[in-house]
């Protein structure tokens, strides 16, 4: 059984959670990077929505399931709405 003092790789559960928080912080920073933002925008990715997803994951990993559900629900609604809009635009274009 692993504890805070060790484990198979010398890392306890608290260290693992701290590393997850660090990775999410790095992801947040990367998403706010203008070059990364431009590359993702070229692929149709909305950075603000990606950040909402990161916040949802952060909340879930922290055990705040209510906030996680709210963030993921917002993300899902926005992505679905934008997808539907893009489908409507594609249907309305002349062939």
C-alpha atoms as a PDB file:
ATOM      1  CA  UNK A   1       0.000   0.000   0.000  1.00  0.00           C
ATOM      2  CA  UNK A   2       1.433   3.368  -1.022  1.00  0.00           C
ATOM      3  CA  UNK A   3       1.420   6.330   1.304  1.00  0.00           C
ATOM      4  CA  UNK A   4       2.706   9.886   1.147  1.00  0.00           C
ATOM      5  CA  UNK A   5       6.241   8.673   1.823  1.00  0.00           C
ATOM      6  CA  UNK A   6       6.570   6.329  -1.081  1.00  0.00           C
ATOM      7  CA  UNK A   7       5.092   3.794  -3.353  1.00  0.00           C
ATOM      8  CA  UNK A   8       6.416   1.846  -6.273  1.00  0.00           C
ATOM      9  CA  UNK A   9       8.029   4.954  -7.774  1.00  0.00           C
ATOM     10  CA  UNK A  10       8.849   6.820  -4.590  1.00  0.00           C
ATOM     11  CA  UNK A  11       5.797   9.032  -4.900  1.00  0.00           C
ATOM     12  CA  UNK A  12       2.793   9.037  -2.630  1.00  0.00           C
ATOM     13  CA  UNK A  13      -0.770   9.920  -3.508  1.00  0.00           C
ATOM     14  CA  UNK A  14      -0.400  13.545  -2.460  1.00  0.00           C
ATOM     15  CA  UNK A  15       2.611  13.975  -4.733  1.00  0.00           C
ATOM     16  CA  UNK A  16       0.653  12.428  -7.586  1.00  0.00           C
ATOM     17  CA  UNK A  17      -2.196  14.867  -7.011  1.00  0.00           C
ATOM     18  CA  UNK A  18       0.253  17.755  -6.865  1.00  0.00           C
ATOM     19  CA  UNK A  19       1.727  16.625 -10.180  1.00  0.00           C
ATOM     20  CA  UNK A  20      -1.748  16.528 -11.724  1.00  0.00           C
ATOM     21  CA  UNK A  21      -2.354  20.083 -10.552  1.00  0.00           C
ATOM     22  CA  UNK A  22       0.977  21.129 -12.063  1.00  0.00           C
ATOM     23  CA  UNK A  23       0.143  19.492 -15.389  1.00  0.00           C
ATOM     24  CA  UNK A  24      -3.259  21.187 -15.483  1.00  0.00           C
ATOM     25  CA  UNK A  25      -1.555  24.498 -14.739  1.00  0.00           C
ATOM     26  CA  UNK A  26       0.873  23.899 -17.593  1.00  0.00           C
ATOM     27  CA  UNK A  27      -2.008  22.996 -19.897  1.00  0.00           C
ATOM     28  CA  UNK A  28      -3.782  26.190 -18.883  1.00  0.00           C
ATOM     29  CA  UNK A  29      -0.633  28.179 -19.684  1.00  0.00           C
ATOM     30  CA  UNK A  30      -0.184  26.430 -23.037  1.00  0.00           C
ATOM     31  CA  UNK A  31      -3.782  27.091 -24.026  1.00  0.00           C
ATOM     32  CA  UNK A  32      -3.231  30.786 -23.321  1.00  0.00           C
ATOM     33  CA  UNK A  33      -0.078  30.856 -25.465  1.00  0.00           C
ATOM     34  CA  UNK A  34      -0.830  32.861 -28.658  1.00  0.00           C
ATOM     35  CA  UNK A  35       0.986  30.401 -30.946  1.00  0.00           C
ATOM     36  CA  UNK A  36      -0.852  27.415 -29.493  1.00  0.00           C
ATOM     37  CA  UNK A  37      -4.104  29.376 -29.614  1.00  0.00           C
ATOM     38  CA  UNK A  38      -3.583  30.196 -33.289  1.00  0.00           C
ATOM     39  CA  UNK A  39      -2.798  26.575 -34.157  1.00  0.00           C
ATOM     40  CA  UNK A  40      -5.877  25.354 -32.319  1.00  0.00           C
ATOM     41  CA  UNK A  41      -8.058  28.079 -33.818  1.00  0.00           C
ATOM     42  CA  UNK A  42      -6.958  26.898 -37.267  1.00  0.00           C
ATOM     43  CA  UNK A  43      -8.445  23.538 -36.301  1.00  0.00           C
ATOM     44  CA  UNK A  44     -11.685  25.151 -35.134  1.00  0.00           C
ATOM     45  CA  UNK A  45     -10.913  24.818 -31.432  1.00  0.00           C
ATOM     46  CA  UNK A  46     -12.224  27.574 -29.187  1.00  0.00           C
ATOM     47  CA  UNK A  47      -9.610  28.283 -26.529  1.00  0.00           C
ATOM     48  CA  UNK A  48     -12.138  29.584 -24.018  1.00  0.00           C
ATOM     49  CA  UNK A  49     -14.084  26.355 -24.267  1.00  0.00           C
ATOM     50  CA  UNK A  50     -10.905  24.306 -23.938  1.00  0.00           C
ATOM     51  CA  UNK A  51     -10.155  26.217 -20.743  1.00  0.00           C
ATOM     52  CA  UNK A  52     -13.653  25.431 -19.452  1.00  0.00           C
ATOM     53  CA  UNK A  53     -12.862  21.763 -20.058  1.00  0.00           C
ATOM     54  CA  UNK A  54      -9.620  22.060 -18.113  1.00  0.00           C
ATOM     55  CA  UNK A  55     -11.475  23.699 -15.239  1.00  0.00           C
ATOM     56  CA  UNK A  56     -14.033  20.897 -15.294  1.00  0.00           C
ATOM     57  CA  UNK A  57     -11.296  18.292 -15.111  1.00  0.00           C
ATOM     58  CA  UNK A  58      -9.542  20.218 -12.338  1.00  0.00           C
ATOM     59  CA  UNK A  59     -12.769  20.387 -10.343  1.00  0.00           C
ATOM     60  CA  UNK A  60     -13.438  16.686 -10.848  1.00  0.00           C
ATOM     61  CA  UNK A  61      -9.934  15.699  -9.759  1.00  0.00           C
ATOM     62  CA  UNK A  62     -10.315  17.918  -6.687  1.00  0.00           C
ATOM     63  CA  UNK A  63     -13.521  16.073  -5.827  1.00  0.00           C
ATOM     64  CA  UNK A  64     -15.817  19.008  -6.608  1.00  0.00           C
ATOM     65  CA  UNK A  65     -18.263  17.034  -8.699  1.00  0.00           C
ATOM     66  CA  UNK A  66     -20.934  19.741  -8.705  1.00  0.00           C
ATOM     67  CA  UNK A  67     -18.572  22.312 -10.225  1.00  0.00           C
ATOM     68  CA  UNK A  68     -17.161  19.672 -12.577  1.00  0.00           C
ATOM     69  CA  UNK A  69     -20.654  18.813 -13.797  1.00  0.00           C
ATOM     70  CA  UNK A  70     -21.418  22.493 -14.377  1.00  0.00           C
ATOM     71  CA  UNK A  71     -18.200  23.070 -16.319  1.00  0.00           C
ATOM     72  CA  UNK A  72     -18.574  19.908 -18.422  1.00  0.00           C
ATOM     73  CA  UNK A  73     -22.240  20.675 -19.049  1.00  0.00           C
ATOM     74  CA  UNK A  74     -21.343  24.152 -20.264  1.00  0.00           C
ATOM     75  CA  UNK A  75     -18.619  22.697 -22.475  1.00  0.00           C
ATOM     76  CA  UNK A  76     -20.925  20.042 -23.925  1.00  0.00           C
ATOM     77  CA  UNK A  77     -23.730  22.529 -24.619  1.00  0.00           C
ATOM     78  CA  UNK A  78     -21.396  25.009 -26.305  1.00  0.00           C
ATOM     79  CA  UNK A  79     -19.640  22.407 -28.441  1.00  0.00           C
ATOM     80  CA  UNK A  80     -22.957  20.847 -29.481  1.00  0.00           C
ATOM     81  CA  UNK A  81     -24.390  24.263 -30.313  1.00  0.00           C
ATOM     82  CA  UNK A  82     -21.383  25.253 -32.382  1.00  0.00           C
ATOM     83  CA  UNK A  83     -21.410  21.898 -34.167  1.00  0.00           C
ATOM     84  CA  UNK A  84     -25.071  22.316 -35.059  1.00  0.00           C
ATOM     85  CA  UNK A  85     -24.431  25.853 -36.302  1.00  0.00           C
ATOM     86  CA  UNK A  86     -21.581  24.660 -38.520  1.00  0.00           C
ATOM     87  CA  UNK A  87     -23.832  21.912 -39.932  1.00  0.00           C
ATOM     88  CA  UNK A  88     -26.538  24.480 -40.694  1.00  0.00           C
ATOM     89  CA  UNK A  89     -24.014  26.752 -42.399  1.00  0.00           C
ATOM     90  CA  UNK A  90     -22.713  23.838 -44.486  1.00  0.00           C
ATOM     91  CA  UNK A  91     -26.282  22.913 -45.552  1.00  0.00           C
ATOM     92  CA  UNK A  92     -27.093  26.489 -46.538  1.00  0.00           C
ATOM     93  CA  UNK A  93     -24.052  26.891 -48.823  1.00  0.00           C
ATOM     94  CA  UNK A  94     -24.813  26.457 -52.497  1.00  0.00           C
ATOM     95  CA  UNK A  95     -23.370  23.272 -54.003  1.00  0.00           C
END
